[in-house]
Amino acid sequence: MTFVFAAVLLATAAPRDTEPRVLLRLEDEWALALIHRDAAVFGRLLAEGFIYTEDDRTMSRDDVLRDVVAGPDTVQTAHNEDMRVHRFGATAVVTGWLVVGGRGPNGPFDRRYRFTDTWVRRGGGWQIVAAHDYLVPARRR
């Protein structure tokens, strides 16, 4: 009887929402792709019509692809911190911190971006339709 009861409980239990984990993994793929300048990953993650804002500028999907794949900065380290997923049906907003280190035209850099990425579920997968990053000024020591 206990076995039957346990089987019924398992069969009727609400399915687990795995989407937040999927979205966090996709965000981490983005950070890794920055290091490798992986055009295939960026092309898969960015939806057609994607729009990006950072501080005082706005960029299209093509602008972002060009910048992350062939821009002047060489990213050597990148990781996300304190990410949170906010679900709205087939849309999700992920907030967090992107921490990037590397070299640019002016020498080495360490940057922290506060980000908000808007994801939409399409064709069985997720794509970013809009993103906003705010470069947090470095603290003076």
N, C-alpha and C. Protein backbone atom coordinates (compact mmCIF):
# COMPACT_ATOMS: atom_id res chain seq x y z
N MET A 1 0.82 -1.19 0.00
CA MET A 1 0.00 0.00 0.00
C MET A 1 0.87 1.26 0.00
N THR A 2 1.96 1.27 0.78
CA THR A 2 2.85 2.41 0.83
C THR A 2 3.45 2.68 -0.54
N PHE A 3 3.82 1.61 -1.25
CA PHE A 3 4.40 1.75 -2.58
C PHE A 3 3.41 2.41 -3.54
N VAL A 4 2.14 2.00 -3.51
CA VAL A 4 1.11 2.57 -4.38
C VAL A 4 0.90 4.04 -4.04
N PHE A 5 0.86 4.36 -2.76
CA PHE A 5 0.67 5.74 -2.34
C PHE A 5 1.84 6.62 -2.82
N ALA A 6 3.07 6.12 -2.67
CA ALA A 6 4.25 6.87 -3.12
C ALA A 6 4.20 7.06 -4.63
N ALA A 7 3.80 6.04 -5.37
CA ALA A 7 3.72 6.14 -6.83
C ALA A 7 2.67 7.17 -7.25
N VAL A 8 1.56 7.21 -6.56
CA VAL A 8 0.52 8.19 -6.86
C VAL A 8 1.02 9.60 -6.57
N LEU A 9 1.73 9.77 -5.44
CA LEU A 9 2.29 11.08 -5.11
C LEU A 9 3.27 11.55 -6.19
N LEU A 10 4.14 10.67 -6.63
CA LEU A 10 5.11 11.03 -7.66
C LEU A 10 4.42 11.37 -8.97
N ALA A 11 3.40 10.63 -9.32
CA ALA A 11 2.71 10.85 -10.59
C ALA A 11 1.91 12.15 -10.59
N THR A 12 1.42 12.56 -9.43
CA THR A 12 0.60 13.76 -9.37
C THR A 12 1.36 14.99 -8.92
N ALA A 13 2.62 14.84 -8.57
CA ALA A 13 3.42 15.99 -8.13
C ALA A 13 3.55 16.99 -9.27
N ALA A 14 3.56 18.25 -8.91
CA ALA A 14 3.71 19.30 -9.92
C ALA A 14 5.08 19.17 -10.58
N PRO A 15 5.15 19.34 -11.92
CA PRO A 15 6.45 19.24 -12.57
C PRO A 15 7.37 20.36 -12.10
N ARG A 16 8.66 20.05 -12.00
CA ARG A 16 9.63 21.04 -11.58
C ARG A 16 9.89 22.02 -12.70
N ASP A 17 10.00 23.26 -12.34
CA ASP A 17 10.32 24.30 -13.33
C ASP A 17 11.83 24.34 -13.50
N THR A 18 12.32 23.78 -14.60
CA THR A 18 13.76 23.75 -14.85
C THR A 18 14.21 24.96 -15.66
N GLU A 19 13.29 25.79 -16.12
CA GLU A 19 13.65 26.92 -16.96
C GLU A 19 14.63 27.90 -16.31
N PRO A 20 14.48 28.22 -15.03
CA PRO A 20 15.48 29.13 -14.43
C PRO A 20 16.90 28.60 -14.55
N ARG A 21 17.08 27.30 -14.34
CA ARG A 21 18.42 26.72 -14.49
C ARG A 21 18.92 26.81 -15.92
N VAL A 22 18.01 26.59 -16.87
CA VAL A 22 18.38 26.70 -18.29
C VAL A 22 18.84 28.12 -18.60
N LEU A 23 18.10 29.10 -18.13
CA LEU A 23 18.45 30.50 -18.39
C LEU A 23 19.78 30.89 -17.73
N LEU A 24 20.02 30.43 -16.53
CA LEU A 24 21.29 30.72 -15.86
C LEU A 24 22.45 30.08 -16.62
N ARG A 25 22.23 28.87 -17.14
CA ARG A 25 23.27 28.21 -17.93
C ARG A 25 23.55 28.98 -19.21
N LEU A 26 22.49 29.51 -19.85
CA LEU A 26 22.66 30.30 -21.07
C LEU A 26 23.42 31.60 -20.77
N GLU A 27 23.14 32.21 -19.65
CA GLU A 27 23.88 33.42 -19.26
C GLU A 27 25.36 33.09 -19.06
N ASP A 28 25.65 31.94 -18.46
CA ASP A 28 27.04 31.53 -18.27
C ASP A 28 27.71 31.20 -19.61
N GLU A 29 26.94 30.66 -20.57
CA GLU A 29 27.48 30.43 -21.91
C GLU A 29 27.92 31.74 -22.54
N TRP A 30 27.12 32.78 -22.33
CA TRP A 30 27.46 34.11 -22.86
C TRP A 30 28.82 34.56 -22.32
N ALA A 31 29.00 34.45 -21.00
CA ALA A 31 30.25 34.89 -20.39
C ALA A 31 31.44 34.10 -20.96
N LEU A 32 31.29 32.80 -21.10
CA LEU A 32 32.37 31.98 -21.66
C LEU A 32 32.63 32.34 -23.12
N ALA A 33 31.57 32.62 -23.86
CA ALA A 33 31.72 32.99 -25.28
C ALA A 33 32.48 34.30 -25.44
N LEU A 34 32.39 35.20 -24.45
CA LEU A 34 33.16 36.44 -24.51
C LEU A 34 34.65 36.14 -24.55
N ILE A 35 35.08 35.18 -23.77
CA ILE A 35 36.49 34.82 -23.71
C ILE A 35 36.96 34.24 -25.04
N HIS A 36 36.12 33.41 -25.64
CA HIS A 36 36.49 32.70 -26.86
C HIS A 36 36.06 33.41 -28.15
N ARG A 37 35.40 34.57 -28.00
CA ARG A 37 34.86 35.30 -29.17
C ARG A 37 34.06 34.35 -30.06
N ASP A 38 33.17 33.61 -29.45
CA ASP A 38 32.44 32.54 -30.10
C ASP A 38 31.19 33.07 -30.82
N ALA A 39 31.36 33.38 -32.10
CA ALA A 39 30.28 33.95 -32.90
C ALA A 39 29.06 33.02 -32.97
N ALA A 40 29.28 31.71 -32.97
CA ALA A 40 28.17 30.77 -33.06
C ALA A 40 27.26 30.86 -31.83
N VAL A 41 27.86 30.96 -30.65
CA VAL A 41 27.06 31.08 -29.42
C VAL A 41 26.28 32.39 -29.44
N PHE A 42 26.94 33.50 -29.76
CA PHE A 42 26.24 34.79 -29.78
C PHE A 42 25.13 34.78 -30.82
N GLY A 43 25.40 34.21 -31.99
CA GLY A 43 24.38 34.14 -33.05
C GLY A 43 23.17 33.34 -32.64
N ARG A 44 23.38 32.27 -31.87
CA ARG A 44 22.28 31.43 -31.39
C ARG A 44 21.47 32.13 -30.29
N LEU A 45 22.16 32.85 -29.42
CA LEU A 45 21.48 33.45 -28.27
C LEU A 45 20.75 34.75 -28.59
N LEU A 46 21.25 35.52 -29.56
CA LEU A 46 20.64 36.82 -29.86
C LEU A 46 19.55 36.68 -30.91
N ALA A 47 18.34 37.11 -30.56
CA ALA A 47 17.21 37.05 -31.48
C ALA A 47 17.36 38.08 -32.59
N GLU A 48 16.75 37.80 -33.73
CA GLU A 48 16.66 38.81 -34.78
C GLU A 48 15.93 40.01 -34.18
N GLY A 49 16.41 41.20 -34.47
CA GLY A 49 15.79 42.41 -33.92
C GLY A 49 16.27 42.75 -32.51
N PHE A 50 17.20 41.97 -31.98
CA PHE A 50 17.76 42.22 -30.65
C PHE A 50 18.24 43.68 -30.54
N ILE A 51 18.02 44.27 -29.36
CA ILE A 51 18.45 45.65 -29.10
C ILE A 51 19.21 45.67 -27.77
N TYR A 52 20.31 46.42 -27.76
CA TYR A 52 21.18 46.48 -26.59
C TYR A 52 21.44 47.93 -26.22
N THR A 53 21.36 48.21 -24.94
CA THR A 53 21.74 49.54 -24.45
C THR A 53 22.80 49.39 -23.38
N GLU A 54 23.75 50.29 -23.41
CA GLU A 54 24.80 50.35 -22.38
C GLU A 54 25.08 51.82 -22.12
N ASP A 55 24.85 52.22 -20.90
CA ASP A 55 25.07 53.61 -20.52
C ASP A 55 24.35 54.53 -21.50
N ASP A 56 25.10 55.26 -22.35
CA ASP A 56 24.47 56.25 -23.22
C ASP A 56 24.39 55.83 -24.69
N ARG A 57 24.56 54.54 -24.98
CA ARG A 57 24.52 54.12 -26.39
C ARG A 57 23.55 52.95 -26.59
N THR A 58 23.07 52.84 -27.82
CA THR A 58 22.17 51.77 -28.23
C THR A 58 22.81 51.05 -29.41
N MET A 59 22.72 49.71 -29.41
CA MET A 59 23.34 48.92 -30.47
C MET A 59 22.35 47.87 -30.99
N SER A 60 22.47 47.55 -32.27
CA SER A 60 21.66 46.50 -32.89
C SER A 60 22.32 45.14 -32.68
N ARG A 61 21.63 44.10 -33.08
CA ARG A 61 22.18 42.75 -33.01
C ARG A 61 23.50 42.67 -33.78
N ASP A 62 23.52 43.20 -35.01
CA ASP A 62 24.74 43.16 -35.82
C ASP A 62 25.88 43.93 -35.17
N ASP A 63 25.57 45.09 -34.57
CA ASP A 63 26.60 45.86 -33.86
C ASP A 63 27.21 45.06 -32.72
N VAL A 64 26.36 44.40 -31.93
CA VAL A 64 26.84 43.62 -30.79
C VAL A 64 27.67 42.45 -31.27
N LEU A 65 27.18 41.73 -32.30
CA LEU A 65 27.95 40.60 -32.82
C LEU A 65 29.33 41.03 -33.29
N ARG A 66 29.39 42.12 -33.99
CA ARG A 66 30.67 42.64 -34.49
C ARG A 66 31.59 43.01 -33.32
N ASP A 67 31.04 43.67 -32.32
CA ASP A 67 31.84 44.14 -31.19
C ASP A 67 32.39 42.99 -30.35
N VAL A 68 31.55 41.99 -30.04
CA VAL A 68 32.02 40.91 -29.17
C VAL A 68 32.94 39.93 -29.89
N VAL A 69 32.82 39.84 -31.21
CA VAL A 69 33.65 38.89 -31.96
C VAL A 69 34.94 39.53 -32.44
N ALA A 70 34.88 40.80 -32.86
CA ALA A 70 36.06 41.42 -33.48
C ALA A 70 36.41 42.78 -32.90
N GLY A 71 35.86 43.11 -31.73
CA GLY A 71 36.12 44.42 -31.13
C GLY A 71 37.54 44.53 -30.60
N PRO A 72 37.89 45.70 -30.11
CA PRO A 72 39.27 45.97 -29.69
C PRO A 72 39.66 45.33 -28.35
N ASP A 73 38.68 44.92 -27.55
CA ASP A 73 39.00 44.34 -26.24
C ASP A 73 39.23 42.84 -26.37
N THR A 74 40.20 42.34 -25.61
CA THR A 74 40.44 40.91 -25.50
C THR A 74 40.03 40.51 -24.08
N VAL A 75 38.95 39.75 -23.99
CA VAL A 75 38.45 39.31 -22.69
C VAL A 75 39.21 38.06 -22.28
N GLN A 76 39.79 38.10 -21.09
CA GLN A 76 40.56 36.96 -20.57
C GLN A 76 39.83 36.21 -19.47
N THR A 77 38.96 36.92 -18.75
CA THR A 77 38.13 36.30 -17.71
C THR A 77 36.74 36.90 -17.78
N ALA A 78 35.75 36.08 -17.52
CA ALA A 78 34.36 36.57 -17.48
C ALA A 78 33.52 35.58 -16.69
N HIS A 79 32.74 36.11 -15.78
CA HIS A 79 31.80 35.27 -15.04
C HIS A 79 30.64 36.13 -14.54
N ASN A 80 29.56 35.44 -14.18
CA ASN A 80 28.36 36.10 -13.66
C ASN A 80 28.27 35.92 -12.16
N GLU A 81 27.66 36.90 -11.52
CA GLU A 81 27.41 36.83 -10.08
C GLU A 81 25.99 37.25 -9.77
N ASP A 82 25.45 36.69 -8.71
CA ASP A 82 24.17 37.12 -8.14
C ASP A 82 23.05 37.20 -9.17
N MET A 83 22.93 36.19 -10.03
CA MET A 83 21.87 36.20 -11.05
C MET A 83 20.53 35.80 -10.45
N ARG A 84 19.49 36.44 -10.94
CA ARG A 84 18.11 36.15 -10.54
C ARG A 84 17.26 36.05 -11.81
N VAL A 85 16.37 35.06 -11.82
CA VAL A 85 15.46 34.86 -12.95
C VAL A 85 14.06 35.27 -12.53
N HIS A 86 13.43 36.08 -13.34
CA HIS A 86 12.07 36.56 -13.10
C HIS A 86 11.23 36.10 -14.30
N ARG A 87 10.31 35.14 -14.07
CA ARG A 87 9.55 34.54 -15.16
C ARG A 87 8.22 35.24 -15.37
N PHE A 88 7.86 35.39 -16.64
CA PHE A 88 6.58 35.96 -17.05
C PHE A 88 6.07 35.13 -18.22
N GLY A 89 5.69 33.89 -17.98
CA GLY A 89 5.25 33.00 -19.05
C GLY A 89 6.39 32.68 -19.99
N ALA A 90 6.20 33.00 -21.27
CA ALA A 90 7.22 32.71 -22.29
C ALA A 90 8.31 33.78 -22.33
N THR A 91 8.27 34.70 -21.38
CA THR A 91 9.30 35.75 -21.27
C THR A 91 9.94 35.65 -19.90
N ALA A 92 11.22 35.94 -19.86
CA ALA A 92 11.93 35.95 -18.58
C ALA A 92 12.94 37.08 -18.58
N VAL A 93 13.14 37.66 -17.42
CA VAL A 93 14.14 38.70 -17.23
C VAL A 93 15.19 38.13 -16.27
N VAL A 94 16.45 38.22 -16.68
CA VAL A 94 17.54 37.77 -15.82
C VAL A 94 18.36 39.00 -15.44
N THR A 95 18.56 39.18 -14.15
CA THR A 95 19.38 40.28 -13.65
C THR A 95 20.60 39.70 -12.96
N GLY A 96 21.66 40.47 -12.93
CA GLY A 96 22.87 40.01 -12.27
C GLY A 96 24.04 40.93 -12.53
N TRP A 97 25.23 40.41 -12.25
CA TRP A 97 26.48 41.12 -12.48
C TRP A 97 27.34 40.31 -13.42
N LEU A 98 27.89 40.96 -14.43
CA LEU A 98 28.88 40.35 -15.31
C LEU A 98 30.22 40.98 -14.96
N VAL A 99 31.18 40.14 -14.59
CA VAL A 99 32.50 40.60 -14.19
C VAL A 99 33.48 40.16 -15.29
N VAL A 100 34.16 41.15 -15.89
CA VAL A 100 35.00 40.89 -17.05
C VAL A 100 36.39 41.48 -16.81
N GLY A 101 37.41 40.73 -17.20
CA GLY A 101 38.78 41.22 -17.13
C GLY A 101 39.50 40.93 -18.44
N GLY A 102 40.43 41.80 -18.80
CA GLY A 102 41.18 41.57 -20.03
C GLY A 102 42.06 42.75 -20.38
N ARG A 103 42.31 42.88 -21.68
CA ARG A 103 43.14 43.98 -22.20
C ARG A 103 42.40 44.68 -23.32
N GLY A 104 42.59 46.00 -23.36
CA GLY A 104 42.01 46.81 -24.41
C GLY A 104 43.04 47.77 -24.96
N PRO A 105 42.63 48.67 -25.84
CA PRO A 105 43.57 49.63 -26.42
C PRO A 105 44.29 50.48 -25.37
N ASN A 106 43.66 50.68 -24.21
CA ASN A 106 44.26 51.50 -23.15
C ASN A 106 44.91 50.67 -22.05
N GLY A 107 45.11 49.38 -22.29
CA GLY A 107 45.75 48.53 -21.30
C GLY A 107 44.79 47.59 -20.62
N PRO A 108 45.21 47.01 -19.50
CA PRO A 108 44.37 46.04 -18.79
C PRO A 108 43.11 46.69 -18.22
N PHE A 109 42.08 45.86 -18.10
CA PHE A 109 40.84 46.36 -17.48
C PHE A 109 40.19 45.28 -16.63
N ASP A 110 39.45 45.74 -15.63
CA ASP A 110 38.55 44.92 -14.82
C ASP A 110 37.25 45.70 -14.76
N ARG A 111 36.18 45.08 -15.24
CA ARG A 111 34.90 45.77 -15.32
C ARG A 111 33.80 44.96 -14.67
N ARG A 112 32.86 45.69 -14.07
CA ARG A 112 31.64 45.09 -13.50
C ARG A 112 30.45 45.75 -14.15
N TYR A 113 29.61 44.91 -14.76
CA TYR A 113 28.40 45.40 -15.41
C TYR A 113 27.19 44.89 -14.65
N ARG A 114 26.28 45.81 -14.32
CA ARG A 114 24.98 45.42 -13.79
C ARG A 114 24.12 45.17 -15.01
N PHE A 115 23.57 43.97 -15.17
CA PHE A 115 22.84 43.67 -16.39
C PHE A 115 21.39 43.26 -16.15
N THR A 116 20.59 43.52 -17.17
CA THR A 116 19.22 43.06 -17.26
C THR A 116 19.03 42.52 -18.66
N ASP A 117 18.80 41.22 -18.78
CA ASP A 117 18.58 40.58 -20.07
C ASP A 117 17.14 40.09 -20.15
N THR A 118 16.49 40.37 -21.27
CA THR A 118 15.12 39.92 -21.50
C THR A 118 15.15 38.77 -22.49
N TRP A 119 14.68 37.62 -22.07
CA TRP A 119 14.67 36.39 -22.85
C TRP A 119 13.24 36.04 -23.25
N VAL A 120 13.08 35.48 -24.45
CA VAL A 120 11.78 35.00 -24.92
C VAL A 120 11.94 33.55 -25.38
N ARG A 121 10.99 32.73 -24.98
CA ARG A 121 11.00 31.32 -25.39
C ARG A 121 10.47 31.24 -26.80
N ARG A 122 11.31 30.70 -27.71
CA ARG A 122 10.93 30.57 -29.13
C ARG A 122 11.40 29.23 -29.65
N GLY A 123 10.52 28.54 -30.34
CA GLY A 123 10.91 27.31 -31.00
C GLY A 123 11.60 26.30 -30.11
N GLY A 124 11.17 26.17 -28.89
CA GLY A 124 11.75 25.20 -27.98
C GLY A 124 12.99 25.68 -27.25
N GLY A 125 13.46 26.88 -27.54
CA GLY A 125 14.64 27.41 -26.87
C GLY A 125 14.43 28.84 -26.44
N TRP A 126 15.43 29.42 -25.83
CA TRP A 126 15.38 30.79 -25.35
C TRP A 126 16.33 31.66 -26.16
N GLN A 127 15.91 32.90 -26.44
CA GLN A 127 16.77 33.88 -27.08
C GLN A 127 16.62 35.22 -26.37
N ILE A 128 17.72 35.98 -26.38
CA ILE A 128 17.71 37.31 -25.78
C ILE A 128 17.13 38.28 -26.81
N VAL A 129 16.11 39.04 -26.42
CA VAL A 129 15.53 40.04 -27.33
C VAL A 129 15.98 41.45 -26.97
N ALA A 130 16.38 41.66 -25.73
CA ALA A 130 16.84 42.99 -25.30
C ALA A 130 17.75 42.84 -24.09
N ALA A 131 18.72 43.74 -24.01
CA ALA A 131 19.64 43.71 -22.87
C ALA A 131 20.06 45.13 -22.54
N HIS A 132 20.27 45.34 -21.27
CA HIS A 132 20.81 46.62 -20.81
C HIS A 132 21.93 46.32 -19.82
N ASP A 133 23.08 46.93 -20.04
CA ASP A 133 24.21 46.82 -19.12
C ASP A 133 24.57 48.22 -18.65
N TYR A 134 24.93 48.29 -17.39
CA TYR A 134 25.43 49.54 -16.83
C TYR A 134 26.81 49.26 -16.27
N LEU A 135 27.82 49.90 -16.84
CA LEU A 135 29.19 49.75 -16.36
C LEU A 135 29.33 50.51 -15.05
N VAL A 136 29.61 49.77 -14.00
CA VAL A 136 29.75 50.38 -12.68
C VAL A 136 31.18 50.92 -12.57
N PRO A 137 31.32 52.21 -12.31
CA PRO A 137 32.67 52.77 -12.19
C PRO A 137 33.48 52.06 -11.13
N ALA A 138 34.77 51.90 -11.41
CA ALA A 138 35.67 51.24 -10.45
C ALA A 138 35.78 52.07 -9.19
N ARG A 139 35.88 51.41 -8.08
CA ARG A 139 36.06 52.10 -6.81
C ARG A 139 37.49 52.57 -6.70
N ARG A 140 37.66 53.74 -6.20
CA ARG A 140 39.01 54.26 -5.97
C ARG A 140 39.51 53.72 -4.66
N ARG A 141 40.79 53.39 -4.63
CA ARG A 141 41.38 52.81 -3.41
C ARG A 141 42.16 53.84 -2.68
